[in-house]
Amino acid sequence: MDANFFRFVIHDGTKYLKGSRIEKVFNPIQGVWTFKLSTKVNLIFCHGPKKNFLFFSQNRPENPVRPNAKVGWWRKRVKNKWINDVFIDWPKRRFALELRGENLYLLFDLTKGLFLLNKNPIESYIINWPPLEQVLKEKEIYKHYPHITSPLRYALLNMSCSSKRERVYSKIRAGDVSCFYVYEFEDVKKDPIVGLWEMEDLKGDVVSCFDSSIDAAKYYGWKILQDLQEREKGEDRREKRLRKRIKKERERLLEWLELEQQAVLIYENLYRFDANKHYSRISLQGRDGNNIEIELDPCMTLIENVNNMFKKVKKAKKGLAILENRLKNGLSIRRLNGHGQIGQKRNSIDIQNRLPLSSRLKGISVKLFLNSDGFYILRGKNQRSNHKLLTVSARPHDLWFHVEGGPGAHVIVVRDNPTKEVPETTILEAAKLAGLASYQKDSGHCRVIGTEVRYVKKTKGIPLGQVEVKKVLYSLDVELDPLIENRLKSIL
């Protein structure tokens, strides 16, 4: 959603927000939030770097049968709270709701998401508009004037008449816009486009013009939302197919597991046969006294058949253990597919063969996690453990993370060697663990810095646990997830 269009939507929608009460919070699909207001409308908000929107509607999207943990977290903090005032920063496509008597601010950011803060994040300032000539000349003018967005500049550049260009720009500057356009396309890969201007070079298959920004935003938002819902349904269908594949794979592994009794029985009676001879079938007496007919592969010798059976049994035990463990821990089923059969060796984590951490953690009070990428993540529990973790346990090539601008725990990502690549998922998980053990733990959002341990120095004279960072390698803006500790494998 373009910032200039967002400007009108949020200003016109203030009438629904001021003085209203937040009755309930919903999260119909990932990235989409619905706030039911006492003014009999729903604020529907979608955040993301590419797809984002905001609109008000009496209807709301269908919600899951059971709300997720994030919904519970938000309901606990904002449900039945009254909105005292609205603060708008439309060039950056965000606004904050002041919750009455709570000293809390609910921030809506179309790009970054939802945040609950103790301080008003939006400061008043004057919005300056550059001359039209400068807008047309500078390609990256949005860096200095965020409200001169690329869609606005593109539309002005492609207007055939200079007088029309000046008239449109003047009206947008003055906020004197009476028509809002939504362009739709037959190509399903193209999302609808919403704007304040008629685009001469972009003739959509369907062009709708609205007198109200609220109506235009609602029409546009529902179109995008329906597309997101269809995609999620497609993902659900793929999830079902994956579950079917997993069920079939599990049945195959269970069949292999049943070969153990036959392999043991043949091995015990191997002296009665020529081990190097080819058999298609042999008959043996089981331990219960009944005869058992065992089918064999005639292309292999008897001893080769037995070894093959034991090999399948070993794979079955390992594959079933991996399968059950991952399903138990709630990992995505997609992680189990696309890389060969489940029973095959695939980045398995053998804790016993990892780095000997125990000797370097002796006497240090830490929380130890093992993530899905196979990396150890250490987090100090107090000032003394933070100090020892950094000076005793961590090595120069390990990664260090800490919340920016205030007190918090030291978090270390253990690397086998200086050339070991650390995946982005591990870096984000470490940053979130640092944020959850800091002064920002209740804000829902924080900035975390990271670097290698060799760039973190303990200076004489400063309090225990405080350090000086010589070089910052990572600066991450992360959304805190209270459930991440449950998803990661906790060892200590």
Protein backbone atom coordinates (compact mmCIF):
# COMPACT_ATOMS: atom_id res chain seq x y z
CA MET A 1 0.00 0.00 0.00
CA ASP A 2 1.50 3.30 -1.09
CA ALA A 3 2.23 5.80 1.69
CA ASN A 4 0.20 8.55 0.01
CA PHE A 5 -2.88 6.34 -0.15
CA PHE A 6 -2.24 5.12 3.42
CA ARG A 7 -2.28 8.79 4.48
CA PHE A 8 -5.94 9.18 3.54
CA VAL A 9 -7.04 5.79 4.84
CA ILE A 10 -5.64 6.29 8.34
CA HIS A 11 -6.80 9.91 8.60
CA ASP A 12 -10.33 8.95 7.51
CA GLY A 13 -10.28 5.87 9.74
CA THR A 14 -9.39 7.83 12.88
CA LYS A 15 -13.12 8.27 13.53
CA TYR A 16 -13.38 4.51 14.12
CA LEU A 17 -10.38 4.45 16.46
CA LYS A 18 -10.54 7.41 18.85
CA GLY A 19 -12.59 6.62 21.93
CA SER A 20 -13.29 3.04 20.88
CA ARG A 21 -12.52 -0.13 22.81
CA ILE A 22 -10.54 -3.12 21.50
CA GLU A 23 -12.96 -5.99 22.07
CA LYS A 24 -10.98 -8.86 20.60
CA VAL A 25 -7.91 -9.77 18.54
CA PHE A 26 -7.71 -12.40 15.79
CA ASN A 27 -4.95 -13.76 13.56
CA PRO A 28 -6.77 -15.40 10.61
CA ILE A 29 -3.60 -16.15 8.63
CA GLN A 30 0.08 -15.42 9.07
CA GLY A 31 0.85 -11.70 8.86
CA VAL A 32 -2.83 -10.65 9.02
CA TRP A 33 -4.44 -9.27 12.19
CA THR A 34 -8.04 -8.36 12.95
CA PHE A 35 -8.96 -6.00 15.78
CA LYS A 36 -12.66 -6.00 16.65
CA LEU A 37 -13.60 -2.49 17.84
CA SER A 38 -16.55 -1.30 19.90
CA THR A 39 -17.49 1.04 17.01
CA LYS A 40 -18.91 -2.07 15.25
CA VAL A 41 -16.08 -2.23 12.71
CA ASN A 42 -13.00 -4.40 12.39
CA LEU A 43 -9.54 -2.99 11.78
CA ILE A 44 -7.88 -5.49 9.42
CA PHE A 45 -4.14 -5.11 9.11
CA CYS A 46 -1.57 -7.01 7.05
CA HIS A 47 2.15 -6.33 7.40
CA GLY A 48 5.02 -7.41 5.20
CA PRO A 49 7.76 -6.05 2.93
CA LYS A 50 5.71 -6.63 -0.24
CA LYS A 51 2.07 -7.39 0.54
CA ASN A 52 0.53 -5.05 3.12
CA PHE A 53 -2.77 -3.27 3.64
CA LEU A 54 -5.02 -1.62 6.18
CA PHE A 55 -8.79 -1.29 5.98
CA PHE A 56 -11.93 -1.05 8.10
CA SER A 57 -14.86 -3.39 7.57
CA GLN A 58 -17.99 -4.60 9.38
CA ASN A 59 -17.07 -8.12 8.27
CA ARG A 60 -13.92 -9.98 9.22
CA PRO A 61 -12.05 -12.90 7.67
CA GLU A 62 -12.65 -16.45 8.85
CA ASN A 63 -10.49 -17.42 11.81
CA PRO A 64 -8.96 -20.76 12.84
CA VAL A 65 -10.93 -22.89 15.29
CA ARG A 66 -8.24 -22.44 17.93
CA PRO A 67 -6.26 -19.18 18.33
CA ASN A 68 -2.49 -19.53 18.35
CA ALA A 69 -0.14 -18.47 21.14
CA LYS A 70 0.52 -15.05 19.61
CA VAL A 71 -3.20 -14.25 19.65
CA GLY A 72 -3.33 -15.22 23.33
CA TRP A 73 -0.38 -12.94 24.05
CA TRP A 74 -2.01 -9.94 22.37
CA ARG A 75 -5.46 -10.57 23.87
CA LYS A 76 -3.97 -10.66 27.34
CA ARG A 77 -2.42 -7.23 26.86
CA VAL A 78 -4.83 -5.18 24.73
CA LYS A 79 -8.28 -6.78 25.04
CA ASN A 80 -10.91 -4.38 26.48
CA LYS A 81 -8.43 -1.49 26.37
CA TRP A 82 -9.78 1.93 25.36
CA ILE A 83 -8.07 3.94 22.63
CA ASN A 84 -7.35 7.42 23.92
CA ASP A 85 -5.59 8.94 20.90
CA VAL A 86 -4.09 8.15 17.48
CA PHE A 87 -0.62 9.25 16.38
CA ILE A 88 0.12 9.04 12.65
CA ASP A 89 3.39 8.82 10.73
CA TRP A 90 1.98 8.21 7.28
CA PRO A 91 5.22 8.76 5.24
CA LYS A 92 6.62 5.67 7.02
CA ARG A 93 3.22 3.92 6.81
CA ARG A 94 2.69 3.50 10.52
CA PHE A 95 0.49 4.77 13.35
CA ALA A 96 0.27 4.28 17.12
CA LEU A 97 -2.77 3.92 19.37
CA GLU A 98 -2.46 5.33 22.88
CA LEU A 99 -4.21 2.98 25.31
CA ARG A 100 -6.05 4.93 27.96
CA GLY A 101 -4.56 4.90 31.45
CA GLU A 102 -2.03 2.19 30.59
CA ASN A 103 1.00 4.20 29.43
CA LEU A 104 1.12 1.79 26.50
CA TYR A 105 1.21 2.42 22.77
CA LEU A 106 0.09 -0.12 20.18
CA LEU A 107 2.18 0.47 17.04
CA PHE A 108 0.99 -0.64 13.60
CA ASP A 109 3.79 -0.69 11.03
CA LEU A 110 2.82 -1.87 7.54
CA THR A 111 6.33 -3.12 6.87
CA LYS A 112 7.52 -4.47 10.22
CA GLY A 113 4.36 -5.54 12.08
CA LEU A 114 2.73 -5.00 15.48
CA PHE A 115 4.49 -3.74 18.61
CA LEU A 116 3.47 -2.86 22.16
CA LEU A 117 5.65 -0.08 23.56
CA ASN A 118 5.93 1.92 26.79
CA LYS A 119 6.82 5.11 24.93
CA ASN A 120 5.16 6.87 22.02
CA PRO A 121 7.33 5.93 19.00
CA ILE A 122 5.92 8.67 16.77
CA GLU A 123 7.28 12.18 17.17
CA SER A 124 5.66 15.20 15.56
CA TYR A 125 7.51 16.77 12.65
CA ILE A 126 6.84 18.92 9.60
CA ILE A 127 6.45 17.12 6.28
CA ASN A 128 8.31 19.00 3.56
CA TRP A 129 7.45 18.62 -0.11
CA PRO A 130 10.26 19.18 -2.62
CA PRO A 131 9.67 21.06 -5.88
CA LEU A 132 8.19 19.01 -8.71
CA GLU A 133 11.35 19.47 -10.79
CA GLN A 134 13.41 17.81 -8.05
CA VAL A 135 10.93 14.93 -7.82
CA LEU A 136 11.21 14.25 -11.55
CA LYS A 137 14.99 14.58 -11.61
CA GLU A 138 16.17 12.54 -8.57
CA LYS A 139 15.66 8.78 -8.85
CA GLU A 140 16.31 8.08 -5.14
CA ILE A 141 14.47 11.06 -3.74
CA TYR A 142 12.50 8.71 -1.47
CA LYS A 143 15.62 8.35 0.71
CA HIS A 144 15.26 11.99 1.80
CA TYR A 145 11.51 12.32 1.31
CA PRO A 146 9.86 8.95 2.13
CA HIS A 147 6.44 10.25 1.08
CA ILE A 148 7.75 10.75 -2.50
CA THR A 149 7.31 7.06 -3.20
CA SER A 150 8.40 5.25 -6.33
CA PRO A 151 4.78 4.70 -7.52
CA LEU A 152 4.06 8.44 -7.13
CA ARG A 153 7.20 9.47 -9.00
CA TYR A 154 6.55 6.86 -11.71
CA ALA A 155 2.99 8.12 -12.21
CA LEU A 156 4.13 11.75 -12.47
CA LEU A 157 6.89 10.89 -14.94
CA ASN A 158 4.47 9.07 -17.23
CA MET A 159 1.81 11.76 -17.38
CA SER A 160 1.59 13.12 -20.90
CA CYS A 161 0.72 16.68 -19.96
CA SER A 162 2.93 18.86 -17.72
CA SER A 163 -0.09 20.84 -16.52
CA LYS A 164 -1.79 17.64 -15.38
CA ARG A 165 1.42 16.58 -13.65
CA GLU A 166 1.55 19.86 -11.72
CA ARG A 167 -2.16 19.68 -10.88
CA VAL A 168 -1.95 16.13 -9.52
CA TYR A 169 1.17 16.84 -7.48
CA SER A 170 -0.39 20.02 -6.06
CA LYS A 171 -3.55 18.16 -5.01
CA ILE A 172 -1.58 15.37 -3.33
CA ARG A 173 0.52 17.92 -1.44
CA ALA A 174 -2.61 19.73 -0.24
CA GLY A 175 -4.43 16.51 0.56
CA ASP A 176 -7.19 17.53 -1.85
CA VAL A 177 -7.95 14.17 -3.45
CA SER A 178 -11.51 13.12 -4.26
CA CYS A 179 -11.02 9.94 -6.31
CA PHE A 180 -9.19 6.75 -5.38
CA TYR A 181 -8.32 4.17 -8.05
CA VAL A 182 -7.97 0.38 -7.85
CA TYR A 183 -6.47 -1.43 -10.86
CA GLU A 184 -7.06 -5.18 -11.30
CA PHE A 185 -5.54 -7.58 -13.83
CA GLU A 186 -6.55 -10.87 -15.41
CA ASP A 187 -3.05 -12.20 -14.78
CA VAL A 188 -3.36 -13.90 -11.38
CA LYS A 189 0.32 -13.28 -10.69
CA LYS A 190 -0.30 -9.53 -10.63
CA ASP A 191 -1.72 -8.02 -7.45
CA PRO A 192 -4.23 -5.16 -7.65
CA ILE A 193 -2.76 -1.66 -7.45
CA VAL A 194 -4.33 1.18 -5.48
CA GLY A 195 -3.46 4.86 -5.90
CA LEU A 196 -4.57 8.47 -5.85
CA TRP A 197 -4.00 9.09 -9.53
CA GLU A 198 -5.14 7.82 -12.90
CA MET A 199 -2.21 5.98 -14.50
CA GLU A 200 -2.23 6.65 -18.22
CA ASP A 201 0.35 3.98 -19.10
CA LEU A 202 -1.22 1.31 -16.87
CA LYS A 203 -4.61 0.26 -18.11
CA GLY A 204 -5.79 -2.55 -15.87
CA ASP A 205 -8.38 -5.04 -17.02
CA VAL A 206 -10.72 -3.58 -14.39
CA VAL A 207 -10.37 -0.01 -13.10
CA SER A 208 -12.55 0.98 -10.14
CA CYS A 209 -12.87 4.54 -8.88
CA PHE A 210 -14.07 5.29 -5.33
CA ASP A 211 -15.09 8.57 -3.72
CA SER A 212 -13.97 7.35 -0.30
CA SER A 213 -10.51 6.13 0.74
CA ILE A 214 -12.20 3.80 3.25
CA ASP A 215 -14.18 2.09 0.47
CA ALA A 216 -11.15 1.88 -1.84
CA ALA A 217 -8.98 0.42 0.92
CA LYS A 218 -11.66 -2.12 1.82
CA TYR A 219 -12.09 -3.23 -1.79
CA TYR A 220 -8.32 -3.47 -2.32
CA GLY A 221 -7.68 -5.16 1.04
CA TRP A 222 -10.28 -7.88 0.54
CA LYS A 223 -8.82 -8.67 -2.90
CA ILE A 224 -5.32 -9.15 -1.46
CA LEU A 225 -6.68 -11.04 1.55
CA GLN A 226 -8.60 -13.49 -0.64
CA ASP A 227 -5.42 -14.19 -2.59
CA LEU A 228 -3.52 -14.83 0.65
CA GLN A 229 -6.26 -17.15 1.89
CA GLU A 230 -6.21 -19.12 -1.36
CA ARG A 231 -2.46 -19.52 -1.09
CA GLU A 232 -2.77 -20.74 2.48
CA LYS A 233 -5.40 -23.27 1.40
CA GLY A 234 -2.97 -24.44 -1.27
CA GLU A 235 -0.33 -24.84 1.42
CA ASP A 236 -2.81 -26.82 3.52
CA ARG A 237 -3.41 -29.14 0.56
CA ARG A 238 0.33 -29.61 0.13
CA GLU A 239 0.58 -30.26 3.86
CA LYS A 240 -2.03 -33.02 3.56
CA ARG A 241 -0.14 -34.59 0.67
CA LEU A 242 3.04 -34.46 2.70
CA ARG A 243 1.30 -36.12 5.62
CA LYS A 244 0.14 -38.85 3.29
CA ARG A 245 3.69 -39.38 2.07
CA ILE A 246 4.95 -39.52 5.63
CA LYS A 247 2.29 -42.07 6.56
CA LYS A 248 3.33 -44.22 3.62
CA GLU A 249 7.01 -43.88 4.55
CA ARG A 250 6.25 -44.82 8.16
CA GLU A 251 4.43 -47.95 7.02
CA ARG A 252 7.44 -48.92 4.90
CA LEU A 253 9.81 -48.47 7.83
CA LEU A 254 7.56 -50.56 10.08
CA GLU A 255 7.65 -53.34 7.48
CA TRP A 256 11.45 -53.20 7.54
CA LEU A 257 11.39 -53.32 11.34
CA GLU A 258 9.46 -56.59 11.22
CA LEU A 259 12.36 -58.19 9.30
CA GLU A 260 14.39 -58.30 12.51
CA GLN A 261 12.76 -61.52 13.77
CA GLN A 262 13.29 -63.26 10.42
CA ALA A 263 16.93 -62.09 10.20
CA VAL A 264 17.67 -63.34 13.74
CA LEU A 265 15.96 -66.68 13.02
CA ILE A 266 17.97 -67.23 9.81
CA TYR A 267 21.19 -66.23 11.56
CA GLU A 268 20.57 -68.74 14.36
CA ASN A 269 20.00 -71.51 11.78
CA LEU A 270 22.68 -70.44 9.32
CA TYR A 271 24.70 -73.60 10.02
CA ARG A 272 21.97 -75.70 8.39
CA PHE A 273 22.35 -74.00 5.00
CA ASP A 274 25.03 -73.06 2.52
CA ALA A 275 25.50 -69.37 3.33
CA ASN A 276 26.83 -68.61 -0.16
CA LYS A 277 23.99 -70.32 -2.01
CA HIS A 278 21.04 -68.49 -3.61
CA TYR A 279 17.59 -69.27 -2.20
CA SER A 280 14.21 -67.85 -3.14
CA ARG A 281 12.53 -69.21 -0.03
CA ILE A 282 13.44 -71.17 3.11
CA SER A 283 11.30 -72.80 5.77
CA LEU A 284 12.30 -72.58 9.45
CA GLN A 285 10.72 -73.51 12.76
CA GLY A 286 9.97 -70.51 14.92
CA ARG A 287 10.41 -70.29 18.66
CA ASP A 288 6.72 -71.03 19.10
CA GLY A 289 7.13 -74.32 17.22
CA ASN A 290 5.31 -73.22 14.07
CA ASN A 291 6.94 -73.33 10.63
CA ILE A 292 7.73 -69.96 9.06
CA GLU A 293 8.13 -69.43 5.30
CA ILE A 294 10.66 -66.66 4.63
CA GLU A 295 10.80 -65.04 1.20
CA LEU A 296 14.31 -64.16 0.01
CA ASP A 297 15.83 -62.26 -2.89
CA PRO A 298 17.19 -65.00 -5.24
CA CYS A 299 19.65 -62.50 -6.73
CA MET A 300 21.55 -62.45 -3.42
CA THR A 301 23.17 -65.23 -1.43
CA LEU A 302 21.69 -66.30 1.89
CA ILE A 303 24.26 -64.37 3.94
CA GLU A 304 23.74 -61.30 1.75
CA ASN A 305 19.98 -61.54 2.40
CA VAL A 306 20.58 -61.68 6.14
CA ASN A 307 22.94 -58.69 6.08
CA ASN A 308 20.46 -56.76 3.95
CA MET A 309 17.69 -57.50 6.47
CA PHE A 310 19.78 -56.25 9.38
CA LYS A 311 20.69 -53.15 7.38
CA LYS A 312 17.00 -52.38 6.72
CA VAL A 313 16.17 -52.92 10.40
CA LYS A 314 18.88 -50.46 11.41
CA LYS A 315 17.61 -47.85 8.94
CA ALA A 316 14.03 -48.40 10.09
CA LYS A 317 14.90 -47.82 13.76
CA LYS A 318 16.86 -44.69 12.96
CA GLY A 319 14.25 -43.34 10.53
CA LEU A 320 11.33 -43.94 12.90
CA ALA A 321 13.20 -42.28 15.76
CA ILE A 322 13.89 -39.17 13.65
CA LEU A 323 10.30 -39.10 12.44
CA GLU A 324 8.74 -39.43 15.89
CA ASN A 325 11.11 -36.91 17.43
CA ARG A 326 10.45 -34.24 14.82
CA LEU A 327 6.71 -34.69 14.88
CA LYS A 328 6.77 -34.60 18.69
CA ASN A 329 8.69 -31.32 18.68
CA GLY A 330 6.21 -29.79 16.25
CA LEU A 331 8.69 -29.16 13.43
CA SER A 332 7.28 -28.49 9.98
CA ILE A 333 6.54 -31.61 8.02
CA ARG A 334 8.22 -29.97 5.05
CA ARG A 335 11.51 -30.45 6.87
CA LEU A 336 11.05 -34.21 6.48
CA ASN A 337 10.60 -34.19 2.73
CA GLY A 338 12.47 -33.28 -0.41
CA HIS A 339 15.80 -34.72 0.69
CA GLY A 340 15.40 -38.42 0.07
CA GLN A 341 13.71 -40.97 2.28
CA ILE A 342 13.21 -40.33 5.95
CA GLY A 343 15.31 -43.32 6.92
CA GLN A 344 18.36 -41.97 5.14
CA LYS A 345 21.10 -40.06 6.94
CA ARG A 346 20.46 -36.34 6.60
CA ASN A 347 22.21 -33.81 8.80
CA SER A 348 21.53 -35.91 11.87
CA ILE A 349 22.72 -34.41 15.14
CA ASP A 350 24.85 -36.64 17.32
CA ILE A 351 25.24 -34.80 20.62
CA GLN A 352 27.91 -37.15 21.89
CA ASN A 353 30.17 -36.39 18.93
CA ARG A 354 29.77 -32.61 19.12
CA LEU A 355 32.19 -30.22 20.79
CA PRO A 356 33.09 -31.13 24.40
CA LEU A 357 31.17 -28.23 25.92
CA SER A 358 30.89 -29.70 29.41
CA SER A 359 34.47 -28.82 30.41
CA ARG A 360 34.07 -25.19 29.32
CA LEU A 361 30.69 -24.77 31.04
CA LYS A 362 31.71 -26.13 34.42
CA GLY A 363 30.56 -23.78 37.15
CA ILE A 364 28.78 -21.41 34.73
CA SER A 365 25.04 -20.83 35.11
CA VAL A 366 23.78 -20.88 31.52
CA LYS A 367 20.82 -21.94 29.43
CA LEU A 368 21.92 -24.29 26.63
CA PHE A 369 19.89 -24.86 23.46
CA LEU A 370 20.44 -27.07 20.42
CA ASN A 371 18.62 -25.74 17.37
CA SER A 372 17.37 -27.44 14.21
CA ASP A 373 20.53 -26.44 12.29
CA GLY A 374 22.67 -28.38 14.79
CA PHE A 375 24.22 -25.35 16.54
CA TYR A 376 24.63 -24.93 20.28
CA ILE A 377 23.27 -21.60 21.57
CA LEU A 378 24.34 -20.51 25.07
CA ARG A 379 22.66 -17.79 27.14
CA GLY A 380 23.86 -16.44 30.48
CA LYS A 381 21.49 -16.35 33.45
CA ASN A 382 23.05 -13.50 35.46
CA GLN A 383 25.88 -10.95 35.42
CA ARG A 384 28.52 -13.40 36.67
CA SER A 385 27.52 -16.11 34.19
CA ASN A 386 27.49 -13.54 31.37
CA HIS A 387 31.06 -12.61 32.29
CA LYS A 388 32.28 -16.22 32.52
CA LEU A 389 30.42 -17.23 29.39
CA LEU A 390 32.26 -14.60 27.41
CA THR A 391 35.70 -14.91 29.02
CA VAL A 392 35.90 -18.65 29.80
CA SER A 393 33.50 -20.61 27.62
CA ALA A 394 33.34 -18.71 24.33
CA ARG A 395 36.13 -18.88 21.76
CA PRO A 396 37.20 -15.98 19.50
CA HIS A 397 35.40 -17.34 16.42
CA ASP A 398 32.08 -17.97 18.21
CA LEU A 399 29.25 -15.48 17.58
CA TRP A 400 28.02 -13.11 20.32
CA PHE A 401 24.58 -11.41 20.50
CA HIS A 402 23.12 -8.82 22.87
CA VAL A 403 20.14 -6.47 22.90
CA GLU A 404 21.00 -2.91 21.89
CA GLY A 405 20.80 0.02 24.28
CA GLY A 406 20.22 -1.67 27.63
CA PRO A 407 20.81 -4.60 30.00
CA GLY A 408 20.36 -8.16 28.85
CA ALA A 409 21.91 -11.61 28.65
CA HIS A 410 24.94 -12.54 26.56
CA VAL A 411 24.09 -15.12 23.89
CA ILE A 412 26.79 -17.23 22.24
CA VAL A 413 26.48 -19.34 19.07
CA VAL A 414 29.13 -22.06 19.16
CA ARG A 415 31.05 -22.66 15.92
CA ASP A 416 33.22 -25.69 15.24
CA ASN A 417 35.84 -23.57 13.48
CA PRO A 418 36.33 -20.01 12.17
CA THR A 419 35.19 -20.96 8.64
CA LYS A 420 31.94 -22.58 9.77
CA GLU A 421 28.98 -20.86 8.07
CA VAL A 422 26.12 -19.97 10.42
CA PRO A 423 22.66 -20.08 8.75
CA GLU A 424 20.38 -17.07 8.92
CA THR A 425 17.80 -19.06 10.92
CA THR A 426 20.37 -19.69 13.67
CA ILE A 427 21.34 -16.00 13.76
CA LEU A 428 17.68 -14.93 14.09
CA GLU A 429 17.03 -17.54 16.80
CA ALA A 430 20.04 -16.35 18.79
CA ALA A 431 18.92 -12.72 18.44
CA LYS A 432 15.42 -13.57 19.67
CA LEU A 433 16.84 -15.48 22.64
CA ALA A 434 18.90 -12.39 23.51
CA GLY A 435 15.84 -10.14 23.25
CA LEU A 436 13.72 -12.39 25.48
CA ALA A 437 16.31 -12.12 28.26
CA SER A 438 16.64 -8.34 28.20
CA TYR A 439 14.93 -5.15 29.29
CA GLN A 440 12.94 -5.28 26.03
CA LYS A 441 11.40 -8.70 26.70
CA ASP A 442 7.84 -7.35 27.08
CA SER A 443 7.93 -4.93 24.12
CA GLY A 444 7.36 -7.63 21.50
CA HIS A 445 10.10 -6.15 19.35
CA CYS A 446 13.71 -5.08 19.79
CA ARG A 447 17.02 -4.45 18.07
CA VAL A 448 19.89 -6.86 18.67
CA ILE A 449 23.54 -6.51 17.71
CA GLY A 450 25.90 -9.38 16.99
CA THR A 451 29.56 -9.97 16.23
CA GLU A 452 32.36 -12.46 16.74
CA VAL A 453 33.59 -12.90 20.31
CA ARG A 454 37.04 -11.56 19.39
CA TYR A 455 35.49 -8.12 18.85
CA VAL A 456 33.92 -8.06 22.35
CA LYS A 457 36.24 -6.77 25.08
CA LYS A 458 35.97 -6.53 28.86
CA THR A 459 37.39 -3.18 29.94
CA LYS A 460 38.79 -2.57 33.40
CA GLY A 461 36.69 -0.41 35.66
CA ILE A 462 33.28 -1.13 34.11
CA PRO A 463 30.70 -3.26 35.99
CA LEU A 464 30.71 -7.05 35.71
CA GLY A 465 28.95 -8.26 32.59
CA GLN A 466 29.34 -4.99 30.66
CA VAL A 467 31.56 -5.04 27.58
CA GLU A 468 32.87 -2.90 24.76
CA VAL A 469 32.11 -3.94 21.18
CA LYS A 470 34.90 -3.09 18.76
CA LYS A 471 33.09 -4.12 15.57
CA VAL A 472 29.40 -4.88 14.92
CA LEU A 473 28.73 -7.54 12.26
CA TYR A 474 24.96 -7.87 12.68
CA SER A 475 22.25 -5.35 13.54
CA LEU A 476 18.91 -7.11 13.62
CA ASP A 477 15.40 -5.79 14.13
CA VAL A 478 13.58 -8.86 15.49
CA GLU A 479 10.03 -9.67 16.53
CA LEU A 480 10.16 -11.45 19.87
CA ASP A 481 8.54 -14.87 20.00
CA PRO A 482 7.83 -16.08 23.57
CA LEU A 483 7.47 -19.67 22.31
CA ILE A 484 10.88 -19.97 20.66
CA GLU A 485 12.44 -21.42 23.82
CA ASN A 486 9.90 -24.26 23.71
CA ARG A 487 10.64 -24.99 20.05
CA LEU A 488 14.39 -25.17 20.55
CA LYS A 489 15.83 -28.26 22.21
CA SER A 490 16.82 -27.28 25.75
CA ILE A 491 19.75 -29.29 27.15
CA LEU A 492 20.58 -27.32 30.32
